[in-house]
C-alpha atoms as a PDB file:
ATOM      1  CA  MET A   1     -17.262 -11.134   5.197  1.00  0.00           C
ATOM      2  CA  GLU A   2     -19.473 -13.922   5.036  1.00  0.00           C
ATOM      3  CA  ASN A   3     -22.271 -11.761   3.111  1.00  0.00           C
ATOM      4  CA  PHE A   4     -19.064 -10.522   0.514  1.00  0.00           C
ATOM      5  CA  LEU A   5     -18.485 -14.250  -0.058  1.00  0.00           C
ATOM      6  CA  ILE A   6     -21.917 -15.011  -0.859  1.00  0.00           C
ATOM      7  CA  SER A   7     -22.549 -12.057  -2.825  1.00  0.00           C
ATOM      8  CA  LEU A   8     -19.430 -13.167  -5.373  1.00  0.00           C
ATOM      9  CA  ILE A   9     -20.823 -16.728  -5.407  1.00  0.00           C
ATOM     10  CA  ASN A  10     -24.150 -15.060  -6.538  1.00  0.00           C
ATOM     11  CA  ILE A  11     -21.966 -14.039  -9.943  1.00  0.00           C
ATOM     12  CA  ASP A  12     -21.348 -16.273 -12.772  1.00  0.00           C
ATOM     13  CA  SER A  13     -17.891 -15.699 -12.918  1.00  0.00           C
ATOM     14  CA  THR A  14     -17.004 -19.148 -15.334  1.00  0.00           C
ATOM     15  CA  SER A  15     -14.004 -18.985 -16.982  1.00  0.00           C
ATOM     16  CA  GLY A  16     -13.840 -16.709 -19.603  1.00  0.00           C
ATOM     17  CA  SER A  17     -17.268 -14.943 -18.143  1.00  0.00           C
ATOM     18  CA  GLU A  18     -15.249 -13.819 -15.234  1.00  0.00           C
ATOM     19  CA  ASN A  19     -15.579  -9.541 -16.114  1.00  0.00           C
ATOM     20  CA  SER A  20     -18.977 -10.081 -14.400  1.00  0.00           C
ATOM     21  CA  VAL A  21     -17.502 -10.207 -10.921  1.00  0.00           C
ATOM     22  CA  ALA A  22     -14.507  -7.930 -11.956  1.00  0.00           C
ATOM     23  CA  ASP A  23     -16.492  -5.157 -12.519  1.00  0.00           C
ATOM     24  CA  TYR A  24     -18.919  -5.838  -9.864  1.00  0.00           C
ATOM     25  CA  LEU A  25     -15.614  -5.199  -7.576  1.00  0.00           C
ATOM     26  CA  ILE A  26     -14.320  -2.456  -9.250  1.00  0.00           C
ATOM     27  CA  GLU A  27     -17.780  -0.569  -9.170  1.00  0.00           C
ATOM     28  CA  THR A  28     -18.041  -1.917  -5.182  1.00  0.00           C
ATOM     29  CA  PHE A  29     -15.187  -2.927  -3.703  1.00  0.00           C
ATOM     30  CA  ARG A  30     -12.675  -0.019  -2.275  1.00  0.00           C
ATOM     31  CA  PRO A  31     -11.005  -1.529   0.520  1.00  0.00           C
ATOM     32  CA  ALA A  32      -9.560   1.855   2.982  1.00  0.00           C
ATOM     33  CA  GLY A  33      -5.995   2.927   1.918  1.00  0.00           C
ATOM     34  CA  ALA A  34      -6.172   0.680  -1.407  1.00  0.00           C
ATOM     35  CA  SER A  35      -5.534   1.886  -4.574  1.00  0.00           C
ATOM     36  CA  LEU A  36      -6.655   0.065  -7.763  1.00  0.00           C
ATOM     37  CA  GLU A  37      -4.875  -1.533 -10.974  1.00  0.00           C
ATOM     38  CA  ILE A  38      -6.928  -3.271 -13.622  1.00  0.00           C
ATOM     39  CA  ILE A  39      -4.754  -5.967 -15.479  1.00  0.00           C
ATOM     40  CA  THR A  40      -6.058  -6.620 -19.007  1.00  0.00           C
ATOM     41  CA  SER A  41      -5.036 -10.357 -20.218  1.00  0.00           C
ATOM     42  CA  GLU A  42      -4.539 -10.594 -24.029  1.00  0.00           C
ATOM     43  CA  ASN A  43      -7.725 -11.989 -24.152  1.00  0.00           C
ATOM     44  CA  GLY A  44      -9.849  -8.788 -22.531  1.00  0.00           C
ATOM     45  CA  ARG A  45     -10.168 -10.634 -18.898  1.00  0.00           C
ATOM     46  CA  LYS A  46      -9.440  -8.227 -16.284  1.00  0.00           C
ATOM     47  CA  SER A  47      -7.885  -9.069 -13.368  1.00  0.00           C
ATOM     48  CA  LEU A  48      -7.721  -6.719 -10.377  1.00  0.00           C
ATOM     49  CA  PHE A  49      -4.491  -5.208  -7.744  1.00  0.00           C
ATOM     50  CA  TYR A  50      -5.013  -3.497  -4.756  1.00  0.00           C
ATOM     51  CA  LYS A  51      -2.213  -2.119  -3.254  1.00  0.00           C
ATOM     52  CA  TRP A  52      -1.448  -0.809   0.291  1.00  0.00           C
ATOM     53  CA  GLY A  53       1.681   1.263  -0.151  1.00  0.00           C
ATOM     54  CA  GLU A  54       4.148  -0.464  -2.297  1.00  0.00           C
ATOM     55  CA  PRO A  55       3.451  -4.157  -2.180  1.00  0.00           C
ATOM     56  CA  LYS A  56       6.486  -6.471  -0.930  1.00  0.00           C
ATOM     57  CA  ILE A  57       3.847  -9.261   0.499  1.00  0.00           C
ATOM     58  CA  ILE A  58       1.073 -10.092  -2.098  1.00  0.00           C
ATOM     59  CA  PHE A  59      -2.102 -12.062  -1.358  1.00  0.00           C
ATOM     60  CA  CYS A  60      -3.864 -13.972  -4.347  1.00  0.00           C
ATOM     61  CA  SER A  61      -6.042 -15.689  -5.536  1.00  0.00           C
ATOM     62  CA  HIS A  62      -8.912 -15.805  -8.710  1.00  0.00           C
ATOM     63  CA  PHE A  63     -12.354 -15.664  -9.280  1.00  0.00           C
ATOM     64  CA  ASP A  64     -13.000 -17.118 -12.679  1.00  0.00           C
ATOM     65  CA  CYS A  65     -14.879 -20.984 -11.576  1.00  0.00           C
ATOM     66  CA  VAL A  66     -15.284 -24.193 -13.506  1.00  0.00           C
ATOM     67  CA  PRO A  67     -19.205 -25.033 -15.135  1.00  0.00           C
ATOM     68  CA  PRO A  68     -21.609 -24.917 -14.318  1.00  0.00           C
ATOM     69  CA  PHE A  69     -22.905 -22.016 -11.988  1.00  0.00           C
ATOM     70  CA  ILE A  70     -24.760 -22.368  -8.673  1.00  0.00           C
ATOM     71  CA  PRO A  71     -25.374 -19.880  -6.576  1.00  0.00           C
ATOM     72  CA  ALA A  72     -24.766 -19.250  -2.870  1.00  0.00           C
ATOM     73  CA  SER A  73     -26.639 -21.083   0.282  1.00  0.00           C
ATOM     74  CA  SER A  74     -25.602 -20.968   3.642  1.00  0.00           C
ATOM     75  CA  SER A  75     -27.038 -23.537   6.684  1.00  0.00           C
ATOM     76  CA  ASP A  76     -25.058 -25.405   9.412  1.00  0.00           C
ATOM     77  CA  GLY A  77     -22.254 -23.054   9.683  1.00  0.00           C
ATOM     78  CA  LYS A  78     -21.125 -23.650   6.073  1.00  0.00           C
ATOM     79  CA  ILE A  79     -21.451 -21.146   2.596  1.00  0.00           C
ATOM     80  CA  SER A  80     -22.025 -23.616  -0.292  1.00  0.00           C
ATOM     81  CA  GLY A  81     -21.820 -22.968  -4.285  1.00  0.00           C
ATOM     82  CA  ARG A  82     -19.768 -22.359  -7.058  1.00  0.00           C
ATOM     83  CA  GLY A  83     -16.315 -20.968  -6.188  1.00  0.00           C
ATOM     84  CA  ALA A  84     -17.070 -21.140  -2.400  1.00  0.00           C
ATOM     85  CA  CYS A  85     -13.740 -22.483  -1.726  1.00  0.00           C
ATOM     86  CA  ASP A  86     -12.337 -22.528  -4.969  1.00  0.00           C
ATOM     87  CA  ALA A  87     -11.851 -19.804  -5.117  1.00  0.00           C
ATOM     88  CA  LYS A  88     -14.180 -16.966  -3.856  1.00  0.00           C
ATOM     89  CA  GLY A  89     -13.714 -18.162  -0.179  1.00  0.00           C
ATOM     90  CA  GLN A  90     -10.086 -17.185  -0.877  1.00  0.00           C
ATOM     91  CA  ILE A  91     -11.110 -13.638  -1.741  1.00  0.00           C
ATOM     92  CA  ALA A  92     -12.678 -12.986   0.927  1.00  0.00           C
ATOM     93  CA  VAL A  93     -10.597 -13.881   3.436  1.00  0.00           C
ATOM     94  CA  MET A  94      -7.957 -12.213   2.221  1.00  0.00           C
ATOM     95  CA  ALA A  95      -9.579  -9.059   1.566  1.00  0.00           C
ATOM     96  CA  GLU A  96     -10.717  -9.469   5.310  1.00  0.00           C
ATOM     97  CA  THR A  97      -6.959 -10.058   6.135  1.00  0.00           C
ATOM     98  CA  CYS A  98      -5.913  -7.278   4.190  1.00  0.00           C
ATOM     99  CA  ARG A  99      -8.483  -4.853   5.897  1.00  0.00           C
ATOM    100  CA  LEU A 100      -7.394  -5.795   9.210  1.00  0.00           C
ATOM    101  CA  LEU A 101      -3.651  -5.212   8.599  1.00  0.00           C
ATOM    102  CA  HIS A 102      -4.371  -1.814   7.061  1.00  0.00           C
ATOM    103  CA  SER A 103      -6.742  -0.637  10.328  1.00  0.00           C
ATOM    104  CA  GLY A 104      -4.096  -2.493  12.516  1.00  0.00           C
ATOM    105  CA  GLY A 105      -0.885   0.202  10.436  1.00  0.00           C
ATOM    106  CA  LYS A 106       0.570  -2.158   8.098  1.00  0.00           C
ATOM    107  CA  SER A 107       1.448  -1.096   4.755  1.00  0.00           C
ATOM    108  CA  ASP A 108       3.639  -2.585   1.735  1.00  0.00           C
ATOM    109  CA  PHE A 109       0.862  -5.332   0.962  1.00  0.00           C
ATOM    110  CA  GLY A 110      -0.971  -6.195  -2.225  1.00  0.00           C
ATOM    111  CA  LEU A 111      -4.164  -8.303  -3.028  1.00  0.00           C
ATOM    112  CA  LEU A 112      -4.033  -9.670  -6.279  1.00  0.00           C
ATOM    113  CA  LEU A 113      -7.785 -11.291  -7.846  1.00  0.00           C
ATOM    114  CA  LEU A 114      -6.811 -13.165 -11.251  1.00  0.00           C
ATOM    115  CA  ALA A 115      -8.816 -14.125 -14.035  1.00  0.00           C
ATOM    116  CA  GLY A 116      -8.541 -17.882 -16.194  1.00  0.00           C
ATOM    117  CA  GLU A 117      -6.816 -19.483 -13.593  1.00  0.00           C
ATOM    118  CA  GLU A 118      -8.957 -22.492 -14.320  1.00  0.00           C
ATOM    119  CA  ASP A 119      -7.763 -22.767 -18.156  1.00  0.00           C
ATOM    120  CA  GLY A 120      -4.671 -21.362 -18.149  1.00  0.00           C
ATOM    121  CA  SER A 121      -3.631 -18.688 -15.822  1.00  0.00           C
ATOM    122  CA  HIS A 122      -4.692 -15.721 -18.090  1.00  0.00           C
ATOM    123  CA  GLY A 123      -4.341 -13.698 -15.256  1.00  0.00           C
ATOM    124  CA  ALA A 124      -1.332 -14.671 -13.574  1.00  0.00           C
ATOM    125  CA  ILE A 125       0.582 -14.450 -17.073  1.00  0.00           C
ATOM    126  CA  ALA A 126      -0.695 -10.768 -17.542  1.00  0.00           C
ATOM    127  CA  ALA A 127       0.277  -9.788 -13.615  1.00  0.00           C
ATOM    128  CA  ASN A 128       3.604 -11.300 -13.935  1.00  0.00           C
ATOM    129  CA  LYS A 129       4.666  -8.686 -16.105  1.00  0.00           C
ATOM    130  CA  VAL A 130       3.842  -5.773 -14.537  1.00  0.00           C
ATOM    131  CA  ILE A 131       3.814  -6.319 -11.213  1.00  0.00           C
ATOM    132  CA  LYS A 132       7.467  -5.365  -9.635  1.00  0.00           C
ATOM    133  CA  ASN A 133       9.120  -5.346  -6.578  1.00  0.00           C
ATOM    134  CA  SER A 134       7.379  -7.726  -4.271  1.00  0.00           C
ATOM    135  CA  ARG A 135       9.400 -10.468  -2.380  1.00  0.00           C
ATOM    136  CA  PHE A 136       6.165 -13.304  -1.037  1.00  0.00           C
ATOM    137  CA  VAL A 137       3.103 -14.539  -2.877  1.00  0.00           C
ATOM    138  CA  ILE A 138       0.454 -15.973  -0.901  1.00  0.00           C
ATOM    139  CA  VAL A 139      -1.563 -17.971  -3.350  1.00  0.00           C
ATOM    140  CA  GLY A 140      -5.150 -18.882  -1.904  1.00  0.00           C
ATOM    141  CA  GLU A 141      -6.514 -22.218  -2.666  1.00  0.00           C
ATOM    142  CA  PRO A 142      -8.480 -24.850  -0.431  1.00  0.00           C
ATOM    143  CA  THR A 143      -5.581 -25.943   1.476  1.00  0.00           C
ATOM    144  CA  GLU A 144      -7.532 -27.398   4.707  1.00  0.00           C
ATOM    145  CA  ASN A 145      -5.908 -24.389   6.497  1.00  0.00           C
ATOM    146  CA  LYS A 146      -2.173 -25.994   5.909  1.00  0.00           C
ATOM    147  CA  LEU A 147       0.145 -24.430   4.634  1.00  0.00           C
ATOM    148  CA  ILE A 148       1.562 -26.636   1.135  1.00  0.00           C
ATOM    149  CA  SER A 149       5.520 -27.743   0.746  1.00  0.00           C
ATOM    150  CA  ALA A 150       4.970 -29.257  -3.105  1.00  0.00           C
ATOM    151  CA  SER A 151       2.226 -29.538  -5.772  1.00  0.00           C
ATOM    152  CA  LYS A 152       1.951 -31.856  -8.264  1.00  0.00           C
ATOM    153  CA  GLY A 153       2.587 -30.450 -11.994  1.00  0.00           C
ATOM    154  CA  ASN A 154       0.368 -30.295 -14.735  1.00  0.00           C
ATOM    155  CA  ILE A 155       0.757 -31.554 -18.659  1.00  0.00           C
ATOM    156  CA  LEU A 156      -2.485 -31.132 -21.021  1.00  0.00           C
ATOM    157  CA  PHE A 157      -1.911 -32.931 -24.617  1.00  0.00           C
ATOM    158  CA  GLU A 158      -4.057 -32.570 -27.790  1.00  0.00           C
ATOM    159  CA  LEU A 159      -4.223 -36.424 -29.500  1.00  0.00           C
ATOM    160  CA  THR A 160      -5.477 -36.882 -33.446  1.00  0.00           C
ATOM    161  CA  PHE A 161      -4.963 -40.261 -34.390  1.00  0.00           C
ATOM    162  CA  ASN A 162      -5.163 -41.113 -38.068  1.00  0.00           C
ATOM    163  CA  GLY A 163      -6.729 -43.941 -39.603  1.00  0.00           C
ATOM    164  CA  LYS A 164      -7.851 -44.415 -43.338  1.00  0.00           C
ATOM    165  CA  ALA A 165     -11.667 -44.421 -44.068  1.00  0.00           C
ATOM    166  CA  ALA A 166     -13.024 -47.170 -45.605  1.00  0.00           C
ATOM    167  CA  HIS A 167     -16.621 -49.391 -45.888  1.00  0.00           C
ATOM    168  CA  SER A 168     -17.239 -51.073 -42.190  1.00  0.00           C
ATOM    169  CA  GLY A 169     -18.309 -54.476 -44.040  1.00  0.00           C
ATOM    170  CA  TYR A 170     -14.440 -54.341 -45.314  1.00  0.00           C
ATOM    171  CA  PRO A 171     -12.483 -53.045 -42.458  1.00  0.00           C
ATOM    172  CA  GLU A 172      -9.599 -54.912 -43.747  1.00  0.00           C
ATOM    173  CA  LEU A 173      -9.341 -51.979 -46.486  1.00  0.00           C
ATOM    174  CA  GLY A 174      -9.153 -48.975 -44.114  1.00  0.00           C
ATOM    175  CA  ILE A 175      -7.497 -48.751 -40.718  1.00  0.00           C
ATOM    176  CA  ASP A 176      -8.960 -48.346 -37.659  1.00  0.00           C
ATOM    177  CA  ALA A 177      -8.045 -44.697 -35.698  1.00  0.00           C
ATOM    178  CA  VAL A 178     -10.742 -46.599 -32.403  1.00  0.00           C
ATOM    179  CA  ARG A 179      -7.797 -49.662 -32.747  1.00  0.00           C
ATOM    180  CA  LYS A 180      -4.685 -47.580 -32.499  1.00  0.00           C
ATOM    181  CA  PHE A 181      -6.246 -45.300 -29.638  1.00  0.00           C
ATOM    182  CA  HIS A 182      -7.127 -48.471 -28.061  1.00  0.00           C
ATOM    183  CA  TYR A 183      -3.379 -49.334 -28.706  1.00  0.00           C
ATOM    184  CA  PHE A 184      -2.430 -45.790 -26.694  1.00  0.00           C
ATOM    185  CA  LEU A 185      -4.393 -46.791 -24.204  1.00  0.00           C
ATOM    186  CA  SER A 186      -3.708 -49.865 -22.898  1.00  0.00           C
ATOM    187  CA  HIS A 187       0.066 -48.746 -23.337  1.00  0.00           C
ATOM    188  CA  LEU A 188      -0.337 -45.770 -20.812  1.00  0.00           C
ATOM    189  CA  PHE A 189      -2.256 -47.640 -18.499  1.00  0.00           C
ATOM    190  CA  ASN A 190      -0.091 -50.372 -18.549  1.00  0.00           C
ATOM    191  CA  PHE A 191       2.993 -48.076 -18.060  1.00  0.00           C
ATOM    192  CA  ASP A 192       5.160 -47.728 -14.091  1.00  0.00           C
ATOM    193  CA  PHE A 193       5.745 -44.200 -14.436  1.00  0.00           C
ATOM    194  CA  PRO A 194       8.434 -43.668 -11.754  1.00  0.00           C
ATOM    195  CA  ASN A 195       6.992 -43.430  -8.083  1.00  0.00           C
ATOM    196  CA  ASP A 196       8.164 -39.443  -5.977  1.00  0.00           C
ATOM    197  CA  ASP A 197       8.827 -39.658  -2.251  1.00  0.00           C
ATOM    198  CA  ILE A 198       7.216 -36.470  -2.027  1.00  0.00           C
ATOM    199  CA  LEU A 199       4.390 -36.257  -4.340  1.00  0.00           C
ATOM    200  CA  GLY A 200       3.825 -39.888  -4.848  1.00  0.00           C
ATOM    201  CA  SER A 201       1.955 -41.212  -8.308  1.00  0.00           C
ATOM    202  CA  THR A 202       1.368 -39.663 -11.534  1.00  0.00           C
ATOM    203  CA  THR A 203      -1.988 -39.480 -12.624  1.00  0.00           C
ATOM    204  CA  PHE A 204      -3.644 -38.534 -16.192  1.00  0.00           C
ATOM    205  CA  ASN A 205      -7.548 -38.688 -17.144  1.00  0.00           C
ATOM    206  CA  PHE A 206      -9.049 -37.920 -20.722  1.00  0.00           C
ATOM    207  CA  SER A 207     -11.465 -35.997 -22.160  1.00  0.00           C
ATOM    208  CA  ASN A 208     -13.039 -34.720 -25.401  1.00  0.00           C
ATOM    209  CA  ILE A 209     -13.044 -38.166 -26.815  1.00  0.00           C
ATOM    210  CA  ILE A 210     -14.481 -37.361 -30.403  1.00  0.00           C
ATOM    211  CA  SER A 211     -14.775 -39.551 -33.169  1.00  0.00           C
ATOM    212  CA  ALA A 212     -17.120 -38.298 -35.500  1.00  0.00           C
ATOM    213  CA  ASN A 213     -17.345 -40.857 -38.706  1.00  0.00           C
ATOM    214  CA  ALA A 214     -20.602 -42.827 -39.839  1.00  0.00           C
ATOM    215  CA  SER A 215     -21.342 -45.330 -38.314  1.00  0.00           C
ATOM    216  CA  ASN A 216     -21.080 -47.419 -41.374  1.00  0.00           C
ATOM    217  CA  VAL A 217     -17.664 -46.584 -42.081  1.00  0.00           C
ATOM    218  CA  VAL A 218     -14.204 -47.454 -40.503  1.00  0.00           C
ATOM    219  CA  PRO A 219     -13.306 -44.829 -38.039  1.00  0.00           C
ATOM    220  CA  TYR A 220     -10.306 -43.131 -39.415  1.00  0.00           C
ATOM    221  CA  HIS A 221      -9.837 -40.351 -37.388  1.00  0.00           C
ATOM    222  CA  LEU A 222     -10.031 -39.644 -33.547  1.00  0.00           C
ATOM    223  CA  LYS A 223      -8.784 -36.771 -31.319  1.00  0.00           C
ATOM    224  CA  CYS A 224      -8.661 -36.464 -27.793  1.00  0.00           C
ATOM    225  CA  LYS A 225      -7.011 -34.702 -24.726  1.00  0.00           C
ATOM    226  CA  VAL A 226      -5.041 -36.214 -21.838  1.00  0.00           C
ATOM    227  CA  PHE A 227      -4.516 -34.534 -18.980  1.00  0.00           C
ATOM    228  CA  PHE A 228      -1.422 -35.606 -16.493  1.00  0.00           C
ATOM    229  CA  ARG A 229      -0.492 -34.636 -12.725  1.00  0.00           C
ATOM    230  CA  THR A 230       3.047 -35.011 -12.546  1.00  0.00           C
ATOM    231  CA  THR A 231       5.507 -35.299  -9.886  1.00  0.00           C
ATOM    232  CA  PHE A 232       9.252 -34.129  -9.881  1.00  0.00           C
ATOM    233  CA  ALA A 233      10.216 -37.553 -11.039  1.00  0.00           C
ATOM    234  CA  SER A 234       8.130 -38.150 -13.573  1.00  0.00           C
ATOM    235  CA  HIS A 235       7.198 -34.825 -15.260  1.00  0.00           C
ATOM    236  CA  ASP A 236      10.413 -34.594 -17.750  1.00  0.00           C
ATOM    237  CA  ILE A 237       9.754 -38.138 -18.916  1.00  0.00           C
ATOM    238  CA  ILE A 238       6.101 -37.645 -20.102  1.00  0.00           C
ATOM    239  CA  GLU A 239       6.544 -36.242 -23.752  1.00  0.00           C
ATOM    240  CA  THR A 240       9.194 -38.345 -24.727  1.00  0.00           C
ATOM    241  CA  LYS A 241       6.786 -41.574 -23.570  1.00  0.00           C
ATOM    242  CA  MET A 242       3.984 -40.125 -25.420  1.00  0.00           C
ATOM    243  CA  ARG A 243       5.842 -40.021 -28.656  1.00  0.00           C
ATOM    244  CA  SER A 244       7.038 -43.646 -27.891  1.00  0.00           C
ATOM    245  CA  LEU A 245       3.128 -45.226 -28.075  1.00  0.00           C
ATOM    246  CA  LEU A 246       2.033 -42.861 -31.414  1.00  0.00           C
ATOM    247  CA  ASP A 247       2.928 -43.630 -35.000  1.00  0.00           C
ATOM    248  CA  GLU A 248       4.294 -41.244 -37.414  1.00  0.00           C
ATOM    249  CA  THR A 249       0.643 -40.597 -38.726  1.00  0.00           C
ATOM    250  CA  ASP A 250      -0.695 -39.142 -35.535  1.00  0.00           C
ATOM    251  CA  GLU A 251      -0.305 -36.079 -33.935  1.00  0.00           C
ATOM    252  CA  TYR A 252       0.164 -34.581 -30.439  1.00  0.00           C
ATOM    253  CA  LYS A 253       0.484 -30.840 -29.014  1.00  0.00           C
ATOM    254  CA  ILE A 254       0.773 -29.675 -25.626  1.00  0.00           C
ATOM    255  CA  LEU A 255      -1.811 -27.250 -24.526  1.00  0.00           C
ATOM    256  CA  TYR A 256       0.104 -26.002 -21.476  1.00  0.00           C
ATOM    257  CA  SER A 257       2.687 -27.048 -19.002  1.00  0.00           C
ATOM    258  CA  ASP A 258       3.546 -26.373 -15.034  1.00  0.00           C
ATOM    259  CA  LEU A 259       6.237 -27.912 -13.248  1.00  0.00           C
ATOM    260  CA  PRO A 260       5.624 -29.450  -9.822  1.00  0.00           C
ATOM    261  CA  MET A 261       7.168 -26.765  -7.395  1.00  0.00           C
ATOM    262  CA  ASN A 262       7.954 -26.244  -3.862  1.00  0.00           C
ATOM    263  CA  PHE A 263       6.209 -23.876  -1.811  1.00  0.00           C
ATOM    264  CA  HIS A 264       7.531 -21.747   0.965  1.00  0.00           C
ATOM    265  CA  THR A 265       6.998 -22.897   4.797  1.00  0.00           C
ATOM    266  CA  ILE A 266       6.529 -21.364   8.340  1.00  0.00           C
ATOM    267  CA  PRO A 267       7.006 -23.511  11.739  1.00  0.00           C
ATOM    268  CA  GLY A 268       4.120 -23.625  13.683  1.00  0.00           C
ATOM    269  CA  PHE A 269       1.571 -24.272  10.602  1.00  0.00           C
ATOM    270  CA  ARG A 270       1.101 -27.670   9.674  1.00  0.00           C
ATOM    271  CA  THR A 271       1.559 -29.060   6.091  1.00  0.00           C
ATOM    272  CA  GLY A 272       1.147 -31.349   3.584  1.00  0.00           C
ATOM    273  CA  VAL A 273       1.586 -31.623  -0.585  1.00  0.00           C
ATOM    274  CA  VAL A 274      -1.326 -31.826  -2.752  1.00  0.00           C
ATOM    275  CA  ALA A 275      -2.128 -33.115  -6.150  1.00  0.00           C
ATOM    276  CA  TYR A 276      -3.376 -30.182  -7.912  1.00  0.00           C
ATOM    277  CA  GLY A 277      -2.124 -27.272  -9.769  1.00  0.00           C
ATOM    278  CA  CYS A 278      -2.593 -22.923  -9.375  1.00  0.00           C
ATOM    279  CA  ASP A 279      -1.283 -19.733 -10.659  1.00  0.00           C
ATOM    280  CA  ALA A 280       1.704 -19.784  -8.526  1.00  0.00           C
ATOM    281  CA  PRO A 281       4.503 -21.043 -12.041  1.00  0.00           C
ATOM    282  CA  GLU A 282       3.096 -18.329 -13.593  1.00  0.00           C
ATOM    283  CA  LEU A 283       3.736 -15.802 -10.719  1.00  0.00           C
ATOM    284  CA  LYS A 284       7.717 -16.182 -10.289  1.00  0.00           C
ATOM    285  CA  ASN A 285       7.878 -12.543 -10.844  1.00  0.00           C
ATOM    286  CA  LEU A 286       6.127 -11.978  -7.254  1.00  0.00           C
ATOM    287  CA  GLY A 287       8.550 -13.579  -5.256  1.00  0.00           C
ATOM    288  CA  THR A 288       8.812 -16.867  -2.752  1.00  0.00           C
ATOM    289  CA  PRO A 289       5.411 -18.524  -2.719  1.00  0.00           C
ATOM    290  CA  LEU A 290       3.315 -20.033  -0.464  1.00  0.00           C
ATOM    291  CA  LEU A 291       0.371 -21.769  -0.934  1.00  0.00           C
ATOM    292  CA  TYR A 292      -2.346 -21.757   1.924  1.00  0.00           C
ATOM    293  CA  GLY A 293      -6.544 -21.329   2.142  1.00  0.00           C
ATOM    294  CA  PRO A 294     -10.177 -22.822   3.901  1.00  0.00           C
ATOM    295  CA  GLY A 295     -11.557 -25.564   2.732  1.00  0.00           C
ATOM    296  CA  SER A 296     -11.164 -29.216   0.806  1.00  0.00           C
ATOM    297  CA  ILE A 297     -10.143 -29.566  -2.977  1.00  0.00           C
ATOM    298  CA  HIS A 298     -12.465 -33.099  -2.193  1.00  0.00           C
ATOM    299  CA  THR A 299     -15.814 -30.422  -2.832  1.00  0.00           C
ATOM    300  CA  ALA A 300     -14.237 -27.949  -5.483  1.00  0.00           C
ATOM    301  CA  HIS A 301     -15.356 -28.497  -8.589  1.00  0.00           C
ATOM    302  CA  THR A 302     -18.679 -30.242  -7.523  1.00  0.00           C
ATOM    303  CA  SER A 303     -22.217 -29.729  -6.593  1.00  0.00           C
ATOM    304  CA  GLY A 304     -21.728 -29.953  -3.042  1.00  0.00           C
ATOM    305  CA  GLU A 305     -18.862 -27.349  -3.104  1.00  0.00           C
ATOM    306  CA  TYR A 306     -18.455 -25.636   0.556  1.00  0.00           C
ATOM    307  CA  ILE A 307     -16.037 -23.728   2.754  1.00  0.00           C
ATOM    308  CA  SER A 308     -16.851 -23.880   6.876  1.00  0.00           C
ATOM    309  CA  ILE A 309     -17.442 -20.108   8.103  1.00  0.00           C
ATOM    310  CA  ALA A 310     -15.226 -21.310  11.194  1.00  0.00           C
ATOM    311  CA  ASP A 311     -12.333 -22.803   8.412  1.00  0.00           C
ATOM    312  CA  MET A 312     -12.416 -18.793   6.849  1.00  0.00           C
ATOM    313  CA  HIS A 313     -11.873 -17.211  10.675  1.00  0.00           C
ATOM    314  CA  THR A 314      -8.807 -19.287  11.440  1.00  0.00           C
ATOM    315  CA  ALA A 315      -7.498 -18.443   7.799  1.00  0.00           C
ATOM    316  CA  VAL A 316      -7.929 -14.539   8.351  1.00  0.00           C
ATOM    317  CA  SER A 317      -5.971 -15.345  11.693  1.00  0.00           C
ATOM    318  CA  ASP A 318      -3.482 -17.647  10.203  1.00  0.00           C
ATOM    319  CA  LEU A 319      -2.735 -15.368   7.484  1.00  0.00           C
ATOM    320  CA  THR A 320      -2.180 -12.290   9.687  1.00  0.00           C
ATOM    321  CA  LYS A 321       0.300 -14.486  11.416  1.00  0.00           C
ATOM    322  CA  ILE A 322       2.172 -15.641   7.915  1.00  0.00           C
ATOM    323  CA  PHE A 323       1.666 -12.003   7.149  1.00  0.00           C
ATOM    324  CA  GLU A 324       3.624 -10.931   9.978  1.00  0.00           C
ATOM    325  CA  HIS A 325       6.362 -13.904   9.943  1.00  0.00           C
ATOM    326  CA  LEU A 326       7.203 -13.220   6.255  1.00  0.00           C
ATOM    327  CA  GLU A 327       7.465  -9.379   6.983  1.00  0.00           C
ATOM    328  CA  ASN A 328      10.232 -10.022   9.804  1.00  0.00           C
ATOM    329  CA  GLU A 329      11.652 -12.394   7.068  1.00  0.00           C
ATOM    330  CA  LEU A 330      11.879  -9.117   5.163  1.00  0.00           C
ATOM    331  CA  THR A 331      14.698  -7.206   7.635  1.00  0.00           C
ATOM    332  CA  LYS A 332      16.842 -10.060   8.187  1.00  0.00           C
END
């Protein structure tokens, strides 16, 4: 399991280039008893669906990663590198769980490895169109070995502030798009989003702020993105609030949006909530979702990303118990 994870980390599969790891798995990963279906999304990215029988319970995670690529290293009971916990470590753990289930005589389960989770859930959208008859999907993300009961949603906006160019010596003849952006910022940061009893506060961050005018020209154009982490209480009001802070010359687009989610939990497991999103909202046809995995989101997307080998082994045991519980639920 550890060597398998190291081999996956050492393949650069930054979102958009993850066919490199998909092709590696197609050539080298052929688990006993499984058939393989390749699911290709509209942008050509490959996702892989390993099937033992007719899957009613699906283990699912993603093999794309955020940049930059960081090769694997191992020390002090940890495996480090890009994707160690988010989410190649999940793949290694789920693959080992599937191996053990098959060797123990279990069937009717699957392992779904998805492309494009980090930049729009492209693989999940494609898989949701073709996979039928599944009843449960266990999504693998770093949850510190907890079963998650709820997760925040998200909305990504692209904003365009339009002003009027003028010589910067005569700013009164122009309309400064940066000042319009400043007005927007000050009001958004001072807005009290409703608190949510389950998911807490609504947060947001800005990126890709671009105002490309010459230094001696009143800024006439500014473009940016703002990404919201939403709650059950706030999700439906955010677009209205955004519109209220823009004037008639400004523009906005929603690039993508996922609702906050509730997840299935099982007695006997630690539970919690998370502030991040995952592929689950795009996998509605795969059945009731669960969210679980080793590793911490606090190291994911950082230069120090790692996963504990002990936590990986705990996760294999936990996932086996989760599978057996869900298998019993199917017979009720």
